Amino acid sequence: MLIKISLIALSLIFFMQFFSSQIHDNTQVLNLLFQPSLASTSVQMKIISLSVREERRLPSGATPDPNRDIGFASVLIRLENSQEKTQIIVIDKIEIKGVFNPVVYCINNEPKIIDLKPLENSDMVFHLTNKTGYIGQDRVKAFIYYRINNQKGILESQSVEVDRL
């Protein structure tokens, strides 16, 4: 409910700023894309959860491997198509970054094309790993770079604490 109200408020601010100025500044538009939930005319996309853990200890029974994964992240997103036509969403990249130090710890550069059917809601989970863990970071965020109807957007999660096992 709060997110929908804030989207309405942002829409009004955008309308007033964009159409009242003589010069259109693209940074105004880009700043509006950094929201916990972004709704286009037909698709709403939001990060439901982010869980991050670091496993420095070797699992019992496993043989030592210097190239094993140490850092793990799971990002759950929800997509909602409110139109009666199919929408194409492209997830270009997902990054896990430190909150206080914007180092990228995990990255998924493989574009994912999502064919969202009319009036369909879909939850998707993305799993990311790294071989270094989250050195020096107690809190991280997820950033999802995507395209809907040829409009680019960035979705940012709230910060979460790294679970160290």
N, C-alpha and C. Protein backbone atom coordinates (compact mmCIF):
# COMPACT_ATOMS: atom_id res chain seq x y z
N MET A 1 0.83 -1.19 0.00
CA MET A 1 0.00 0.00 0.00
C MET A 1 0.87 1.25 0.00
N LEU A 2 1.90 1.26 0.88
CA LEU A 2 2.80 2.40 0.97
C LEU A 2 3.55 2.62 -0.33
N ILE A 3 3.94 1.53 -0.98
CA ILE A 3 4.68 1.64 -2.24
C ILE A 3 3.80 2.25 -3.32
N LYS A 4 2.53 1.83 -3.39
CA LYS A 4 1.64 2.38 -4.40
C LYS A 4 1.39 3.86 -4.17
N ILE A 5 1.26 4.27 -2.90
CA ILE A 5 1.06 5.68 -2.59
C ILE A 5 2.29 6.47 -2.99
N SER A 6 3.48 5.93 -2.69
CA SER A 6 4.70 6.66 -3.05
C SER A 6 4.87 6.73 -4.56
N LEU A 7 4.42 5.73 -5.30
CA LEU A 7 4.49 5.77 -6.75
C LEU A 7 3.58 6.86 -7.32
N ILE A 8 2.41 7.02 -6.71
CA ILE A 8 1.50 8.08 -7.14
C ILE A 8 2.12 9.44 -6.85
N ALA A 9 2.71 9.59 -5.67
CA ALA A 9 3.36 10.86 -5.32
C ALA A 9 4.52 11.14 -6.26
N LEU A 10 5.32 10.12 -6.56
CA LEU A 10 6.44 10.31 -7.49
C LEU A 10 5.95 10.68 -8.88
N SER A 11 4.85 10.09 -9.30
CA SER A 11 4.30 10.41 -10.61
C SER A 11 3.89 11.87 -10.68
N LEU A 12 3.26 12.36 -9.61
CA LEU A 12 2.86 13.76 -9.58
C LEU A 12 4.07 14.69 -9.58
N ILE A 13 5.09 14.34 -8.79
CA ILE A 13 6.31 15.15 -8.76
C ILE A 13 6.96 15.16 -10.13
N PHE A 14 7.05 13.99 -10.75
CA PHE A 14 7.65 13.88 -12.08
C PHE A 14 6.88 14.74 -13.08
N PHE A 15 5.56 14.65 -13.05
CA PHE A 15 4.73 15.41 -13.98
C PHE A 15 4.97 16.90 -13.80
N MET A 16 4.98 17.36 -12.55
CA MET A 16 5.15 18.78 -12.28
C MET A 16 6.55 19.26 -12.69
N GLN A 17 7.59 18.48 -12.37
CA GLN A 17 8.95 18.90 -12.70
C GLN A 17 9.22 18.82 -14.19
N PHE A 18 8.79 17.76 -14.80
CA PHE A 18 9.13 17.52 -16.21
C PHE A 18 8.40 18.50 -17.13
N PHE A 19 7.13 18.72 -16.88
CA PHE A 19 6.35 19.54 -17.79
C PHE A 19 6.36 21.03 -17.44
N SER A 20 6.83 21.40 -16.26
CA SER A 20 6.87 22.82 -15.92
C SER A 20 8.18 23.47 -16.31
N SER A 21 9.22 22.69 -16.59
CA SER A 21 10.51 23.29 -16.95
C SER A 21 10.63 23.42 -18.46
N GLN A 22 11.37 24.45 -18.88
CA GLN A 22 11.62 24.67 -20.30
C GLN A 22 12.61 23.65 -20.84
N ILE A 23 13.59 23.28 -19.99
CA ILE A 23 14.63 22.34 -20.41
C ILE A 23 14.37 21.01 -19.74
N HIS A 24 14.34 19.95 -20.52
CA HIS A 24 14.10 18.62 -19.98
C HIS A 24 15.44 17.99 -19.63
N ASP A 25 15.63 17.67 -18.38
CA ASP A 25 16.88 17.09 -17.90
C ASP A 25 16.68 15.60 -17.70
N ASN A 26 17.48 14.78 -18.39
CA ASN A 26 17.34 13.33 -18.28
C ASN A 26 17.68 12.81 -16.90
N THR A 27 18.46 13.55 -16.10
CA THR A 27 18.78 13.07 -14.77
C THR A 27 17.54 13.03 -13.89
N GLN A 28 16.57 13.90 -14.15
CA GLN A 28 15.32 13.83 -13.38
C GLN A 28 14.64 12.49 -13.63
N VAL A 29 14.62 12.07 -14.86
CA VAL A 29 13.98 10.80 -15.20
C VAL A 29 14.75 9.65 -14.59
N LEU A 30 16.09 9.69 -14.69
CA LEU A 30 16.91 8.60 -14.16
C LEU A 30 16.78 8.49 -12.65
N ASN A 31 16.69 9.62 -11.94
CA ASN A 31 16.56 9.57 -10.49
C ASN A 31 15.27 8.89 -10.06
N LEU A 32 14.24 8.99 -10.86
CA LEU A 32 12.98 8.35 -10.51
C LEU A 32 13.03 6.84 -10.69
N LEU A 33 14.03 6.33 -11.41
CA LEU A 33 14.12 4.89 -11.63
C LEU A 33 14.67 4.15 -10.43
N PHE A 34 15.32 4.82 -9.50
CA PHE A 34 15.93 4.17 -8.35
C PHE A 34 14.90 4.04 -7.22
N GLN A 35 13.96 3.15 -7.38
CA GLN A 35 12.89 2.97 -6.41
C GLN A 35 12.81 1.51 -6.01
N PRO A 36 12.31 1.20 -4.77
CA PRO A 36 12.18 -0.19 -4.37
C PRO A 36 11.17 -0.95 -5.23
N SER A 37 10.25 -0.27 -5.84
CA SER A 37 9.31 -0.89 -6.75
C SER A 37 9.07 0.09 -7.87
N LEU A 38 9.10 -0.38 -9.10
CA LEU A 38 8.90 0.52 -10.23
C LEU A 38 7.77 -0.03 -11.07
N ALA A 39 6.80 0.81 -11.36
CA ALA A 39 5.68 0.38 -12.18
C ALA A 39 5.74 1.10 -13.51
N SER A 40 5.68 0.35 -14.58
CA SER A 40 5.51 0.98 -15.89
C SER A 40 4.01 1.08 -16.08
N THR A 41 3.58 1.36 -17.29
CA THR A 41 2.15 1.46 -17.51
C THR A 41 1.47 0.11 -17.33
N SER A 42 2.22 -0.96 -17.44
CA SER A 42 1.57 -2.26 -17.40
C SER A 42 2.26 -3.30 -16.53
N VAL A 43 3.50 -3.09 -16.13
CA VAL A 43 4.23 -4.09 -15.36
C VAL A 43 4.74 -3.46 -14.07
N GLN A 44 4.52 -4.17 -12.96
CA GLN A 44 5.10 -3.75 -11.70
C GLN A 44 6.14 -4.79 -11.32
N MET A 45 7.31 -4.30 -10.88
CA MET A 45 8.42 -5.18 -10.54
C MET A 45 8.96 -4.75 -9.19
N LYS A 46 9.16 -5.71 -8.28
CA LYS A 46 9.70 -5.36 -6.97
C LYS A 46 10.53 -6.51 -6.42
N ILE A 47 11.50 -6.15 -5.58
CA ILE A 47 12.33 -7.15 -4.92
C ILE A 47 11.61 -7.55 -3.65
N ILE A 48 11.30 -8.84 -3.54
CA ILE A 48 10.59 -9.35 -2.37
C ILE A 48 11.58 -9.66 -1.24
N SER A 49 12.68 -10.33 -1.58
CA SER A 49 13.66 -10.63 -0.54
C SER A 49 15.05 -10.79 -1.13
N LEU A 50 16.02 -10.57 -0.27
CA LEU A 50 17.43 -10.78 -0.59
C LEU A 50 18.03 -11.49 0.60
N SER A 51 18.65 -12.64 0.36
CA SER A 51 19.36 -13.34 1.43
C SER A 51 20.80 -13.57 0.97
N VAL A 52 21.73 -13.27 1.87
CA VAL A 52 23.15 -13.33 1.55
C VAL A 52 23.87 -14.06 2.67
N ARG A 53 24.75 -14.99 2.29
CA ARG A 53 25.52 -15.70 3.31
C ARG A 53 26.94 -15.95 2.82
N GLU A 54 27.82 -16.14 3.79
CA GLU A 54 29.22 -16.43 3.51
C GLU A 54 29.57 -17.70 4.28
N GLU A 55 30.13 -18.68 3.59
CA GLU A 55 30.50 -19.96 4.20
C GLU A 55 32.00 -20.17 4.03
N ARG A 56 32.77 -19.69 4.99
CA ARG A 56 34.24 -19.82 4.92
C ARG A 56 34.69 -21.22 5.36
N ARG A 57 33.95 -21.85 6.27
CA ARG A 57 34.33 -23.19 6.72
C ARG A 57 33.98 -24.22 5.66
N LEU A 58 34.84 -25.18 5.52
CA LEU A 58 34.61 -26.27 4.58
C LEU A 58 33.48 -27.15 5.10
N PRO A 59 32.49 -27.46 4.29
CA PRO A 59 31.41 -28.35 4.74
C PRO A 59 31.97 -29.70 5.16
N SER A 60 31.38 -30.30 6.19
CA SER A 60 31.89 -31.59 6.67
C SER A 60 31.77 -32.65 5.57
N GLY A 61 32.83 -33.42 5.41
CA GLY A 61 32.84 -34.47 4.40
C GLY A 61 33.30 -34.01 3.03
N ALA A 62 33.45 -32.72 2.84
CA ALA A 62 33.87 -32.20 1.53
C ALA A 62 35.40 -32.16 1.46
N THR A 63 35.91 -32.38 0.27
CA THR A 63 37.36 -32.29 0.08
C THR A 63 37.74 -30.83 -0.16
N PRO A 64 38.89 -30.42 0.36
CA PRO A 64 39.32 -29.03 0.17
C PRO A 64 39.46 -28.67 -1.31
N ASP A 65 38.90 -27.53 -1.68
CA ASP A 65 38.96 -27.05 -3.06
C ASP A 65 39.18 -25.54 -3.01
N PRO A 66 40.34 -25.06 -3.48
CA PRO A 66 40.59 -23.62 -3.41
C PRO A 66 39.65 -22.79 -4.29
N ASN A 67 38.96 -23.41 -5.22
CA ASN A 67 38.05 -22.69 -6.12
C ASN A 67 36.58 -22.86 -5.75
N ARG A 68 36.31 -23.27 -4.53
CA ARG A 68 34.90 -23.46 -4.16
C ARG A 68 34.23 -22.12 -3.90
N ASP A 69 32.92 -22.10 -4.05
CA ASP A 69 32.14 -20.89 -3.78
C ASP A 69 32.08 -20.64 -2.28
N ILE A 70 32.24 -19.37 -1.90
CA ILE A 70 32.19 -18.97 -0.49
C ILE A 70 31.02 -18.03 -0.24
N GLY A 71 30.77 -17.12 -1.17
CA GLY A 71 29.68 -16.16 -1.03
C GLY A 71 28.46 -16.60 -1.83
N PHE A 72 27.29 -16.50 -1.21
CA PHE A 72 26.03 -16.92 -1.85
C PHE A 72 24.99 -15.82 -1.66
N ALA A 73 24.18 -15.60 -2.69
CA ALA A 73 23.10 -14.62 -2.61
C ALA A 73 21.90 -15.15 -3.39
N SER A 74 20.71 -14.91 -2.86
CA SER A 74 19.46 -15.26 -3.54
C SER A 74 18.58 -14.02 -3.56
N VAL A 75 18.11 -13.67 -4.75
CA VAL A 75 17.26 -12.49 -4.94
C VAL A 75 15.91 -12.98 -5.46
N LEU A 76 14.84 -12.68 -4.73
CA LEU A 76 13.48 -13.04 -5.13
C LEU A 76 12.77 -11.78 -5.61
N ILE A 77 12.31 -11.81 -6.86
CA ILE A 77 11.57 -10.66 -7.40
C ILE A 77 10.16 -11.09 -7.78
N ARG A 78 9.26 -10.13 -7.76
CA ARG A 78 7.88 -10.37 -8.18
C ARG A 78 7.56 -9.46 -9.35
N LEU A 79 6.98 -10.05 -10.39
CA LEU A 79 6.55 -9.31 -11.58
C LEU A 79 5.04 -9.42 -11.68
N GLU A 80 4.38 -8.31 -11.95
CA GLU A 80 2.92 -8.30 -12.08
C GLU A 80 2.54 -7.57 -13.36
N ASN A 81 1.87 -8.26 -14.26
CA ASN A 81 1.39 -7.68 -15.52
C ASN A 81 -0.09 -7.36 -15.36
N SER A 82 -0.43 -6.09 -15.33
CA SER A 82 -1.83 -5.70 -15.13
C SER A 82 -2.57 -5.47 -16.45
N GLN A 83 -1.90 -5.68 -17.57
CA GLN A 83 -2.52 -5.48 -18.88
C GLN A 83 -3.02 -6.81 -19.46
N GLU A 84 -3.86 -6.70 -20.46
CA GLU A 84 -4.38 -7.88 -21.14
C GLU A 84 -3.57 -8.18 -22.39
N LYS A 85 -2.28 -7.87 -22.34
CA LYS A 85 -1.38 -8.23 -23.43
C LYS A 85 -0.05 -8.68 -22.84
N THR A 86 0.65 -9.51 -23.59
CA THR A 86 1.93 -10.04 -23.14
C THR A 86 2.98 -8.93 -23.07
N GLN A 87 3.79 -8.97 -22.03
CA GLN A 87 4.87 -8.00 -21.85
C GLN A 87 6.21 -8.74 -21.83
N ILE A 88 7.21 -8.15 -22.45
CA ILE A 88 8.55 -8.72 -22.47
C ILE A 88 9.42 -7.92 -21.51
N ILE A 89 10.01 -8.61 -20.54
CA ILE A 89 10.92 -7.99 -19.59
C ILE A 89 12.28 -8.63 -19.79
N VAL A 90 13.32 -7.82 -19.83
CA VAL A 90 14.68 -8.34 -19.97
C VAL A 90 15.46 -7.92 -18.72
N ILE A 91 15.91 -8.92 -17.96
CA ILE A 91 16.80 -8.66 -16.83
C ILE A 91 18.21 -8.69 -17.41
N ASP A 92 18.84 -7.53 -17.53
CA ASP A 92 20.17 -7.45 -18.14
C ASP A 92 21.28 -7.90 -17.21
N LYS A 93 21.17 -7.50 -15.93
CA LYS A 93 22.27 -7.77 -15.01
C LYS A 93 21.75 -7.69 -13.58
N ILE A 94 22.32 -8.52 -12.71
CA ILE A 94 22.04 -8.46 -11.27
C ILE A 94 23.38 -8.35 -10.56
N GLU A 95 23.48 -7.39 -9.65
CA GLU A 95 24.71 -7.19 -8.89
C GLU A 95 24.40 -7.18 -7.39
N ILE A 96 25.33 -7.71 -6.61
CA ILE A 96 25.29 -7.60 -5.16
C ILE A 96 26.47 -6.70 -4.80
N LYS A 97 26.15 -5.56 -4.16
CA LYS A 97 27.18 -4.57 -3.82
C LYS A 97 27.16 -4.29 -2.33
N GLY A 98 28.33 -3.88 -1.81
CA GLY A 98 28.43 -3.45 -0.43
C GLY A 98 27.68 -2.14 -0.24
N VAL A 99 27.17 -1.93 0.97
CA VAL A 99 26.42 -0.70 1.26
C VAL A 99 27.37 0.49 1.42
N PHE A 100 28.43 0.31 2.19
CA PHE A 100 29.33 1.42 2.48
C PHE A 100 30.50 1.50 1.51
N ASN A 101 30.76 0.43 0.81
CA ASN A 101 31.81 0.38 -0.19
C ASN A 101 31.19 -0.26 -1.43
N PRO A 102 30.98 0.49 -2.50
CA PRO A 102 30.21 -0.03 -3.64
C PRO A 102 30.95 -1.07 -4.50
N VAL A 103 31.70 -1.95 -3.85
CA VAL A 103 32.38 -3.03 -4.56
C VAL A 103 31.33 -4.06 -4.98
N VAL A 104 31.45 -4.56 -6.21
CA VAL A 104 30.54 -5.61 -6.69
C VAL A 104 31.08 -6.95 -6.22
N TYR A 105 30.29 -7.67 -5.41
CA TYR A 105 30.71 -8.97 -4.88
C TYR A 105 30.19 -10.13 -5.71
N CYS A 106 29.00 -10.01 -6.23
CA CYS A 106 28.42 -11.05 -7.09
C CYS A 106 27.81 -10.35 -8.29
N ILE A 107 27.88 -11.02 -9.42
CA ILE A 107 27.28 -10.44 -10.62
C ILE A 107 26.75 -11.55 -11.51
N ASN A 108 25.62 -11.29 -12.12
CA ASN A 108 25.05 -12.19 -13.12
C ASN A 108 24.83 -11.35 -14.37
N ASN A 109 25.67 -11.56 -15.38
CA ASN A 109 25.61 -10.78 -16.62
C ASN A 109 24.81 -11.45 -17.71
N GLU A 110 24.26 -12.61 -17.45
CA GLU A 110 23.50 -13.32 -18.48
C GLU A 110 22.10 -12.73 -18.57
N PRO A 111 21.76 -12.09 -19.69
CA PRO A 111 20.41 -11.53 -19.82
C PRO A 111 19.34 -12.62 -19.73
N LYS A 112 18.29 -12.32 -19.02
CA LYS A 112 17.16 -13.25 -18.85
C LYS A 112 15.94 -12.59 -19.45
N ILE A 113 15.36 -13.23 -20.46
CA ILE A 113 14.16 -12.70 -21.11
C ILE A 113 12.95 -13.36 -20.48
N ILE A 114 12.02 -12.53 -20.01
CA ILE A 114 10.82 -13.02 -19.33
C ILE A 114 9.62 -12.63 -20.17
N ASP A 115 8.84 -13.61 -20.54
CA ASP A 115 7.63 -13.42 -21.34
C ASP A 115 6.45 -13.46 -20.37
N LEU A 116 5.99 -12.30 -19.92
CA LEU A 116 4.92 -12.22 -18.93
C LEU A 116 3.57 -12.16 -19.63
N LYS A 117 2.80 -13.19 -19.46
CA LYS A 117 1.50 -13.33 -20.13
C LYS A 117 0.50 -12.30 -19.58
N PRO A 118 -0.61 -12.09 -20.29
CA PRO A 118 -1.63 -11.14 -19.83
C PRO A 118 -2.12 -11.46 -18.41
N LEU A 119 -2.15 -10.45 -17.56
CA LEU A 119 -2.65 -10.52 -16.18
C LEU A 119 -1.89 -11.54 -15.34
N GLU A 120 -0.67 -11.87 -15.72
CA GLU A 120 0.12 -12.88 -15.00
C GLU A 120 0.96 -12.23 -13.90
N ASN A 121 1.07 -12.94 -12.78
CA ASN A 121 1.98 -12.59 -11.71
C ASN A 121 3.02 -13.70 -11.65
N SER A 122 4.27 -13.32 -11.49
CA SER A 122 5.34 -14.31 -11.49
C SER A 122 6.39 -13.95 -10.45
N ASP A 123 6.82 -14.94 -9.67
CA ASP A 123 7.93 -14.79 -8.75
C ASP A 123 9.13 -15.51 -9.33
N MET A 124 10.28 -14.88 -9.30
CA MET A 124 11.50 -15.47 -9.84
C MET A 124 12.62 -15.34 -8.82
N VAL A 125 13.44 -16.39 -8.73
CA VAL A 125 14.59 -16.38 -7.83
C VAL A 125 15.86 -16.46 -8.66
N PHE A 126 16.82 -15.62 -8.33
CA PHE A 126 18.12 -15.63 -8.97
C PHE A 126 19.17 -15.95 -7.90
N HIS A 127 20.02 -16.93 -8.18
CA HIS A 127 21.07 -17.34 -7.26
C HIS A 127 22.42 -16.89 -7.82
N LEU A 128 23.20 -16.22 -6.98
CA LEU A 128 24.52 -15.74 -7.38
C LEU A 128 25.55 -16.27 -6.39
N THR A 129 26.76 -16.49 -6.87
CA THR A 129 27.84 -16.98 -6.01
C THR A 129 29.12 -16.22 -6.31
N ASN A 130 30.05 -16.31 -5.35
CA ASN A 130 31.40 -15.79 -5.59
C ASN A 130 32.40 -16.64 -4.83
N LYS A 131 33.65 -16.45 -5.11
CA LYS A 131 34.71 -17.26 -4.51
C LYS A 131 35.48 -16.50 -3.43
N THR A 132 35.08 -15.27 -3.14
CA THR A 132 35.79 -14.45 -2.17
C THR A 132 34.99 -14.15 -0.91
N GLY A 133 33.70 -14.32 -0.93
CA GLY A 133 32.86 -13.92 0.20
C GLY A 133 32.58 -12.43 0.13
N TYR A 134 32.29 -11.84 1.29
CA TYR A 134 31.93 -10.42 1.37
C TYR A 134 32.90 -9.74 2.34
N ILE A 135 34.15 -9.71 1.97
CA ILE A 135 35.23 -9.22 2.82
C ILE A 135 34.98 -7.77 3.20
N GLY A 136 34.96 -7.52 4.51
CA GLY A 136 34.82 -6.15 5.01
C GLY A 136 33.41 -5.59 4.92
N GLN A 137 32.43 -6.39 4.55
CA GLN A 137 31.06 -5.90 4.44
C GLN A 137 30.14 -6.66 5.39
N ASP A 138 29.37 -5.91 6.16
CA ASP A 138 28.35 -6.53 7.00
C ASP A 138 26.98 -6.42 6.34
N ARG A 139 26.81 -5.43 5.46
CA ARG A 139 25.52 -5.22 4.79
C ARG A 139 25.74 -5.04 3.30
N VAL A 140 24.82 -5.61 2.52
CA VAL A 140 24.90 -5.51 1.06
C VAL A 140 23.51 -5.21 0.50
N LYS A 141 23.48 -4.82 -0.79
CA LYS A 141 22.23 -4.56 -1.52
C LYS A 141 22.28 -5.28 -2.86
N ALA A 142 21.11 -5.55 -3.40
CA ALA A 142 21.00 -6.10 -4.76
C ALA A 142 20.56 -4.98 -5.70
N PHE A 143 21.13 -4.99 -6.90
CA PHE A 143 20.76 -4.05 -7.95
C PHE A 143 20.38 -4.86 -9.18
N ILE A 144 19.17 -4.63 -9.69
CA ILE A 144 18.69 -5.34 -10.87
C ILE A 144 18.55 -4.32 -12.00
N TYR A 145 19.26 -4.57 -13.08
CA TYR A 145 19.21 -3.70 -14.27
C TYR A 145 18.31 -4.40 -15.29
N TYR A 146 17.27 -3.71 -15.75
CA TYR A 146 16.28 -4.36 -16.61
C TYR A 146 15.76 -3.41 -17.67
N ARG A 147 15.00 -3.99 -18.60
CA ARG A 147 14.31 -3.23 -19.65
C ARG A 147 12.88 -3.73 -19.76
N ILE A 148 11.94 -2.79 -19.85
CA ILE A 148 10.53 -3.10 -20.13
C ILE A 148 10.10 -2.14 -21.22
N ASN A 149 9.61 -2.66 -22.32
CA ASN A 149 9.16 -1.82 -23.44
C ASN A 149 10.24 -0.82 -23.86
N ASN A 150 11.46 -1.27 -23.97
CA ASN A 150 12.61 -0.44 -24.38
C ASN A 150 12.93 0.69 -23.41
N GLN A 151 12.41 0.65 -22.20
CA GLN A 151 12.76 1.62 -21.17
C GLN A 151 13.64 0.91 -20.16
N LYS A 152 14.80 1.51 -19.87
CA LYS A 152 15.73 0.92 -18.92
C LYS A 152 15.37 1.35 -17.51
N GLY A 153 15.65 0.46 -16.56
CA GLY A 153 15.41 0.78 -15.17
C GLY A 153 16.38 0.04 -14.28
N ILE A 154 16.52 0.52 -13.06
CA ILE A 154 17.35 -0.12 -12.05
C ILE A 154 16.51 -0.26 -10.80
N LEU A 155 16.47 -1.46 -10.28
CA LEU A 155 15.73 -1.76 -9.06
C LEU A 155 16.75 -2.03 -7.96
N GLU A 156 16.61 -1.37 -6.84
CA GLU A 156 17.55 -1.50 -5.73
C GLU A 156 16.83 -2.07 -4.52
N SER A 157 17.44 -3.07 -3.88
CA SER A 157 16.84 -3.67 -2.69
C SER A 157 17.21 -2.86 -1.46
N GLN A 158 16.57 -3.18 -0.37
CA GLN A 158 16.99 -2.65 0.91
C GLN A 158 18.25 -3.40 1.32
N SER A 159 19.04 -2.80 2.18
CA SER A 159 20.26 -3.48 2.61
C SER A 159 19.92 -4.62 3.57
N VAL A 160 20.70 -5.69 3.47
CA VAL A 160 20.53 -6.83 4.37
C VAL A 160 21.89 -7.18 4.97
N GLU A 161 21.84 -7.84 6.10
CA GLU A 161 23.06 -8.27 6.78
C GLU A 161 23.56 -9.57 6.18
N VAL A 162 24.87 -9.69 6.06
CA VAL A 162 25.48 -10.92 5.55
C VAL A 162 25.52 -11.94 6.68
N ASP A 163 24.94 -13.12 6.44
CA ASP A 163 25.01 -14.23 7.41
C ASP A 163 26.35 -14.92 7.22
N ARG A 164 27.10 -15.03 8.30
CA ARG A 164 28.41 -15.68 8.23
C ARG A 164 28.31 -17.02 8.95
N LEU A 165 28.54 -18.10 8.20
CA LEU A 165 28.43 -19.45 8.75
C LEU A 165 29.79 -20.09 8.91
